[in-house]
């Protein structure tokens, strides 16, 4: 009986010792390391977005689309603008070829991440040729580089002006609503 108890104690000690060595060999990240990693991701995302907007302003087609995922989507300000990457390239190419695409300057940006995730999302206010616009989207980390996977651009309309804008676009919206409902 004593031998059995001694064997059980030795086995328990061996298992505990092996587990503690495993923990020492691959320690989990501390909370401060995870926060630093998250901040590093946010900096990389911010830089990628700034470079993306810069590439458009400089009409650099390759850099601009190089910062989008292959299946990236761009939703423009017009209700009909739901551009899948290939279609967006075709639409945009003539603007880039003329040396004048669009120029967006960041006024404010919020970036959101999850621990250990290859996805992040953001929203931004932009100064554009259309006045203040809001951009929002999803970024994906592809082979260590953050790229735009989904982007939505909208014109910011002050609440006091919504009734006037709504009245201005009523006819166009009605026609598009009819057309889209007919497709169902």
C-alpha atoms as a PDB file:
ATOM      1  CA  UNK A   1       0.000   0.000   0.000  1.00  0.00           C
ATOM      2  CA  UNK A   2       2.841   2.367   0.889  1.00  0.00           C
ATOM      3  CA  UNK A   3       4.507   1.554  -2.424  1.00  0.00           C
ATOM      4  CA  UNK A   4       1.260   2.349  -4.260  1.00  0.00           C
ATOM      5  CA  UNK A   5       0.927   5.713  -2.514  1.00  0.00           C
ATOM      6  CA  UNK A   6       4.587   6.486  -3.208  1.00  0.00           C
ATOM      7  CA  UNK A   7       4.123   5.604  -6.904  1.00  0.00           C
ATOM      8  CA  UNK A   8       1.016   7.818  -7.116  1.00  0.00           C
ATOM      9  CA  UNK A   9       2.908  10.732  -5.508  1.00  0.00           C
ATOM     10  CA  UNK A  10       5.833  10.302  -7.912  1.00  0.00           C
ATOM     11  CA  UNK A  11       3.468  10.126 -10.893  1.00  0.00           C
ATOM     12  CA  UNK A  12       1.601  13.229  -9.720  1.00  0.00           C
ATOM     13  CA  UNK A  13       4.850  15.138  -9.165  1.00  0.00           C
ATOM     14  CA  UNK A  14       6.147  14.097 -12.598  1.00  0.00           C
ATOM     15  CA  UNK A  15       2.958  15.217 -14.341  1.00  0.00           C
ATOM     16  CA  UNK A  16       2.916  18.565 -12.520  1.00  0.00           C
ATOM     17  CA  UNK A  17       6.589  19.133 -13.274  1.00  0.00           C
ATOM     18  CA  UNK A  18       6.090  18.321 -16.988  1.00  0.00           C
ATOM     19  CA  UNK A  19       3.111  20.693 -17.193  1.00  0.00           C
ATOM     20  CA  UNK A  20       4.998  23.529 -15.542  1.00  0.00           C
ATOM     21  CA  UNK A  21       7.907  23.032 -17.961  1.00  0.00           C
ATOM     22  CA  UNK A  22       5.485  23.247 -20.895  1.00  0.00           C
ATOM     23  CA  UNK A  23       4.060  26.478 -19.500  1.00  0.00           C
ATOM     24  CA  UNK A  24       7.549  27.920 -19.065  1.00  0.00           C
ATOM     25  CA  UNK A  25       8.513  26.941 -22.606  1.00  0.00           C
ATOM     26  CA  UNK A  26       5.581  28.760 -24.238  1.00  0.00           C
ATOM     27  CA  UNK A  27       4.303  31.442 -21.893  1.00  0.00           C
ATOM     28  CA  UNK A  28       1.135  33.260 -22.854  1.00  0.00           C
ATOM     29  CA  UNK A  29       1.412  36.916 -23.781  1.00  0.00           C
ATOM     30  CA  UNK A  30       0.968  39.305 -20.908  1.00  0.00           C
ATOM     31  CA  UNK A  31      -1.805  41.858 -21.087  1.00  0.00           C
ATOM     32  CA  UNK A  32       0.694  44.651 -21.774  1.00  0.00           C
ATOM     33  CA  UNK A  33       2.232  42.626 -24.637  1.00  0.00           C
ATOM     34  CA  UNK A  34      -1.228  42.066 -26.123  1.00  0.00           C
ATOM     35  CA  UNK A  35      -2.034  45.792 -25.839  1.00  0.00           C
ATOM     36  CA  UNK A  36       1.267  46.669 -27.508  1.00  0.00           C
ATOM     37  CA  UNK A  37       0.525  44.170 -30.289  1.00  0.00           C
ATOM     38  CA  UNK A  38      -2.953  45.690 -30.758  1.00  0.00           C
ATOM     39  CA  UNK A  39      -1.479  49.205 -30.913  1.00  0.00           C
ATOM     40  CA  UNK A  40       1.100  47.990 -33.439  1.00  0.00           C
ATOM     41  CA  UNK A  41      -1.722  46.551 -35.584  1.00  0.00           C
ATOM     42  CA  UNK A  42      -3.642  49.813 -35.363  1.00  0.00           C
ATOM     43  CA  UNK A  43      -0.565  51.766 -36.468  1.00  0.00           C
ATOM     44  CA  UNK A  44      -0.076  49.415 -39.436  1.00  0.00           C
ATOM     45  CA  UNK A  45      -3.762  49.695 -40.367  1.00  0.00           C
ATOM     46  CA  UNK A  46      -3.640  53.488 -40.112  1.00  0.00           C
ATOM     47  CA  UNK A  47      -0.529  53.575 -42.317  1.00  0.00           C
ATOM     48  CA  UNK A  48      -2.128  51.237 -44.876  1.00  0.00           C
ATOM     49  CA  UNK A  49      -5.242  53.454 -45.078  1.00  0.00           C
ATOM     50  CA  UNK A  50      -3.161  56.624 -45.401  1.00  0.00           C
ATOM     51  CA  UNK A  51      -1.127  54.985 -48.179  1.00  0.00           C
ATOM     52  CA  UNK A  52      -4.329  53.827 -49.888  1.00  0.00           C
ATOM     53  CA  UNK A  53      -5.763  57.357 -49.931  1.00  0.00           C
ATOM     54  CA  UNK A  54      -2.367  58.753 -51.009  1.00  0.00           C
ATOM     55  CA  UNK A  55      -2.171  56.296 -53.916  1.00  0.00           C
ATOM     56  CA  UNK A  56      -5.564  57.529 -55.172  1.00  0.00           C
ATOM     57  CA  UNK A  57      -4.520  61.188 -54.815  1.00  0.00           C
ATOM     58  CA  UNK A  58      -1.329  60.453 -56.778  1.00  0.00           C
ATOM     59  CA  UNK A  59      -3.234  58.320 -59.323  1.00  0.00           C
ATOM     60  CA  UNK A  60      -1.042  55.317 -58.522  1.00  0.00           C
ATOM     61  CA  UNK A  61      -3.265  52.484 -59.752  1.00  0.00           C
ATOM     62  CA  UNK A  62      -0.967  49.596 -58.756  1.00  0.00           C
ATOM     63  CA  UNK A  63      -0.377  50.852 -55.209  1.00  0.00           C
ATOM     64  CA  UNK A  64      -4.053  51.669 -54.715  1.00  0.00           C
ATOM     65  CA  UNK A  65      -5.340  48.255 -55.761  1.00  0.00           C
ATOM     66  CA  UNK A  66      -2.350  46.555 -54.149  1.00  0.00           C
ATOM     67  CA  UNK A  67      -3.745  47.770 -50.834  1.00  0.00           C
ATOM     68  CA  UNK A  68      -7.075  46.038 -51.438  1.00  0.00           C
ATOM     69  CA  UNK A  69      -7.741  42.331 -51.074  1.00  0.00           C
ATOM     70  CA  UNK A  70      -8.356  40.391 -54.283  1.00  0.00           C
ATOM     71  CA  UNK A  71     -12.019  40.074 -53.324  1.00  0.00           C
ATOM     72  CA  UNK A  72     -12.235  43.666 -52.057  1.00  0.00           C
ATOM     73  CA  UNK A  73     -15.464  45.665 -52.354  1.00  0.00           C
ATOM     74  CA  UNK A  74     -15.905  49.441 -52.678  1.00  0.00           C
ATOM     75  CA  UNK A  75     -19.354  50.935 -52.033  1.00  0.00           C
ATOM     76  CA  UNK A  76     -19.528  54.463 -53.424  1.00  0.00           C
ATOM     77  CA  UNK A  77     -21.827  57.369 -52.631  1.00  0.00           C
ATOM     78  CA  UNK A  78     -24.311  56.513 -55.396  1.00  0.00           C
ATOM     79  CA  UNK A  79     -26.832  53.763 -54.592  1.00  0.00           C
ATOM     80  CA  UNK A  80     -25.727  51.884 -57.720  1.00  0.00           C
ATOM     81  CA  UNK A  81     -22.049  51.804 -56.753  1.00  0.00           C
ATOM     82  CA  UNK A  82     -21.400  48.353 -55.341  1.00  0.00           C
ATOM     83  CA  UNK A  83     -18.026  47.685 -56.918  1.00  0.00           C
ATOM     84  CA  UNK A  84     -16.448  44.256 -56.698  1.00  0.00           C
ATOM     85  CA  UNK A  85     -12.668  44.514 -57.100  1.00  0.00           C
ATOM     86  CA  UNK A  86     -12.448  43.658 -60.821  1.00  0.00           C
ATOM     87  CA  UNK A  87     -15.321  45.999 -61.751  1.00  0.00           C
ATOM     88  CA  UNK A  88     -13.907  48.754 -59.555  1.00  0.00           C
ATOM     89  CA  UNK A  89     -10.543  48.426 -61.299  1.00  0.00           C
ATOM     90  CA  UNK A  90     -12.212  48.764 -64.712  1.00  0.00           C
ATOM     91  CA  UNK A  91     -14.272  51.759 -63.595  1.00  0.00           C
ATOM     92  CA  UNK A  92     -11.301  53.490 -61.946  1.00  0.00           C
ATOM     93  CA  UNK A  93      -8.605  52.824 -64.544  1.00  0.00           C
ATOM     94  CA  UNK A  94      -9.479  55.783 -66.846  1.00  0.00           C
ATOM     95  CA  UNK A  95      -9.322  58.196 -63.890  1.00  0.00           C
ATOM     96  CA  UNK A  96      -5.955  56.860 -62.786  1.00  0.00           C
ATOM     97  CA  UNK A  97      -4.673  56.893 -66.382  1.00  0.00           C
ATOM     98  CA  UNK A  98      -5.548  60.604 -66.670  1.00  0.00           C
ATOM     99  CA  UNK A  99      -3.437  61.227 -63.562  1.00  0.00           C
ATOM    100  CA  UNK A 100      -6.410  62.405 -61.526  1.00  0.00           C
ATOM    101  CA  UNK A 101      -8.328  59.961 -59.367  1.00  0.00           C
ATOM    102  CA  UNK A 102      -9.689  61.341 -56.080  1.00  0.00           C
ATOM    103  CA  UNK A 103      -8.162  62.977 -53.067  1.00  0.00           C
ATOM    104  CA  UNK A 104      -9.334  62.167 -49.546  1.00  0.00           C
ATOM    105  CA  UNK A 105      -7.637  63.693 -46.509  1.00  0.00           C
ATOM    106  CA  UNK A 106      -8.248  62.065 -43.154  1.00  0.00           C
ATOM    107  CA  UNK A 107      -9.831  64.297 -40.523  1.00  0.00           C
ATOM    108  CA  UNK A 108     -10.501  61.606 -37.942  1.00  0.00           C
ATOM    109  CA  UNK A 109     -10.220  57.820 -37.786  1.00  0.00           C
ATOM    110  CA  UNK A 110     -11.215  55.091 -35.341  1.00  0.00           C
ATOM    111  CA  UNK A 111      -9.757  51.605 -35.682  1.00  0.00           C
ATOM    112  CA  UNK A 112     -11.106  48.524 -33.923  1.00  0.00           C
ATOM    113  CA  UNK A 113      -9.348  45.192 -33.579  1.00  0.00           C
ATOM    114  CA  UNK A 114      -9.823  41.880 -31.826  1.00  0.00           C
ATOM    115  CA  UNK A 115      -7.011  39.992 -30.178  1.00  0.00           C
ATOM    116  CA  UNK A 116      -5.297  37.487 -32.447  1.00  0.00           C
ATOM    117  CA  UNK A 117      -7.603  38.255 -35.396  1.00  0.00           C
ATOM    118  CA  UNK A 118      -6.734  38.879 -39.036  1.00  0.00           C
ATOM    119  CA  UNK A 119      -9.693  41.248 -39.347  1.00  0.00           C
ATOM    120  CA  UNK A 120     -10.184  44.806 -38.145  1.00  0.00           C
ATOM    121  CA  UNK A 121     -12.744  47.490 -38.870  1.00  0.00           C
ATOM    122  CA  UNK A 122     -12.646  51.267 -38.937  1.00  0.00           C
ATOM    123  CA  UNK A 123     -14.543  54.457 -39.571  1.00  0.00           C
ATOM    124  CA  UNK A 124     -13.156  57.782 -40.722  1.00  0.00           C
ATOM    125  CA  UNK A 125     -14.164  61.327 -41.540  1.00  0.00           C
ATOM    126  CA  UNK A 126     -12.588  62.657 -44.718  1.00  0.00           C
ATOM    127  CA  UNK A 127     -12.153  65.994 -46.418  1.00  0.00           C
ATOM    128  CA  UNK A 128     -12.967  65.380 -50.105  1.00  0.00           C
ATOM    129  CA  UNK A 129     -13.990  67.198 -53.277  1.00  0.00           C
ATOM    130  CA  UNK A 130     -17.573  66.407 -52.126  1.00  0.00           C
ATOM    131  CA  UNK A 131     -17.057  68.075 -48.733  1.00  0.00           C
ATOM    132  CA  UNK A 132     -16.959  65.937 -45.599  1.00  0.00           C
ATOM    133  CA  UNK A 133     -17.497  62.249 -46.265  1.00  0.00           C
ATOM    134  CA  UNK A 134     -17.506  59.240 -43.994  1.00  0.00           C
ATOM    135  CA  UNK A 135     -15.623  56.121 -44.876  1.00  0.00           C
ATOM    136  CA  UNK A 136     -15.917  52.838 -43.046  1.00  0.00           C
ATOM    137  CA  UNK A 137     -14.687  49.399 -43.742  1.00  0.00           C
ATOM    138  CA  UNK A 138     -13.040  46.131 -42.926  1.00  0.00           C
ATOM    139  CA  UNK A 139      -9.323  45.421 -43.142  1.00  0.00           C
ATOM    140  CA  UNK A 140      -7.797  41.970 -43.534  1.00  0.00           C
ATOM    141  CA  UNK A 141      -4.253  40.979 -42.661  1.00  0.00           C
ATOM    142  CA  UNK A 142      -3.009  39.149 -45.747  1.00  0.00           C
ATOM    143  CA  UNK A 143       0.472  37.661 -45.402  1.00  0.00           C
ATOM    144  CA  UNK A 144       1.419  40.242 -42.769  1.00  0.00           C
ATOM    145  CA  UNK A 145       0.026  43.247 -44.674  1.00  0.00           C
ATOM    146  CA  UNK A 146      -3.229  45.014 -43.819  1.00  0.00           C
ATOM    147  CA  UNK A 147      -5.464  45.482 -46.860  1.00  0.00           C
ATOM    148  CA  UNK A 148      -8.900  46.981 -47.484  1.00  0.00           C
ATOM    149  CA  UNK A 149     -11.408  44.171 -47.847  1.00  0.00           C
ATOM    150  CA  UNK A 150     -14.618  46.216 -47.770  1.00  0.00           C
ATOM    151  CA  UNK A 151     -15.010  50.005 -47.954  1.00  0.00           C
ATOM    152  CA  UNK A 152     -18.116  52.186 -47.752  1.00  0.00           C
ATOM    153  CA  UNK A 153     -17.993  55.872 -48.699  1.00  0.00           C
ATOM    154  CA  UNK A 154     -20.913  58.137 -47.833  1.00  0.00           C
ATOM    155  CA  UNK A 155     -21.498  61.862 -48.044  1.00  0.00           C
ATOM    156  CA  UNK A 156     -22.084  63.342 -44.605  1.00  0.00           C
ATOM    157  CA  UNK A 157     -25.327  65.320 -44.650  1.00  0.00           C
ATOM    158  CA  UNK A 158     -26.086  67.596 -41.700  1.00  0.00           C
ATOM    159  CA  UNK A 159     -29.342  66.555 -39.993  1.00  0.00           C
ATOM    160  CA  UNK A 160     -30.841  70.014 -40.636  1.00  0.00           C
ATOM    161  CA  UNK A 161     -30.411  69.450 -44.400  1.00  0.00           C
ATOM    162  CA  UNK A 162     -31.762  65.898 -44.658  1.00  0.00           C
ATOM    163  CA  UNK A 163     -35.309  66.947 -45.647  1.00  0.00           C
ATOM    164  CA  UNK A 164     -34.001  69.106 -48.484  1.00  0.00           C
ATOM    165  CA  UNK A 165     -31.629  66.410 -49.751  1.00  0.00           C
ATOM    166  CA  UNK A 166     -34.340  63.759 -49.489  1.00  0.00           C
ATOM    167  CA  UNK A 167     -36.684  65.922 -51.571  1.00  0.00           C
ATOM    168  CA  UNK A 168     -33.927  66.496 -54.173  1.00  0.00           C
ATOM    169  CA  UNK A 169     -33.350  62.794 -54.703  1.00  0.00           C
ATOM    170  CA  UNK A 170     -36.929  61.582 -54.349  1.00  0.00           C
ATOM    171  CA  UNK A 171     -37.562  61.011 -58.063  1.00  0.00           C
ATOM    172  CA  UNK A 172     -34.237  59.254 -58.692  1.00  0.00           C
ATOM    173  CA  UNK A 173     -34.704  57.084 -55.596  1.00  0.00           C
ATOM    174  CA  UNK A 174     -38.268  56.161 -56.624  1.00  0.00           C
ATOM    175  CA  UNK A 175     -37.091  54.947 -60.043  1.00  0.00           C
ATOM    176  CA  UNK A 176     -34.257  52.923 -58.545  1.00  0.00           C
ATOM    177  CA  UNK A 177     -36.539  51.423 -55.876  1.00  0.00           C
ATOM    178  CA  UNK A 178     -38.968  50.289 -58.593  1.00  0.00           C
ATOM    179  CA  UNK A 179     -36.155  48.804 -60.649  1.00  0.00           C
ATOM    180  CA  UNK A 180     -34.656  46.918 -57.678  1.00  0.00           C
ATOM    181  CA  UNK A 181     -38.031  45.653 -56.468  1.00  0.00           C
ATOM    182  CA  UNK A 182     -38.811  44.362 -59.968  1.00  0.00           C
ATOM    183  CA  UNK A 183     -35.678  42.191 -59.789  1.00  0.00           C
ATOM    184  CA  UNK A 184     -36.965  40.316 -56.709  1.00  0.00           C
END
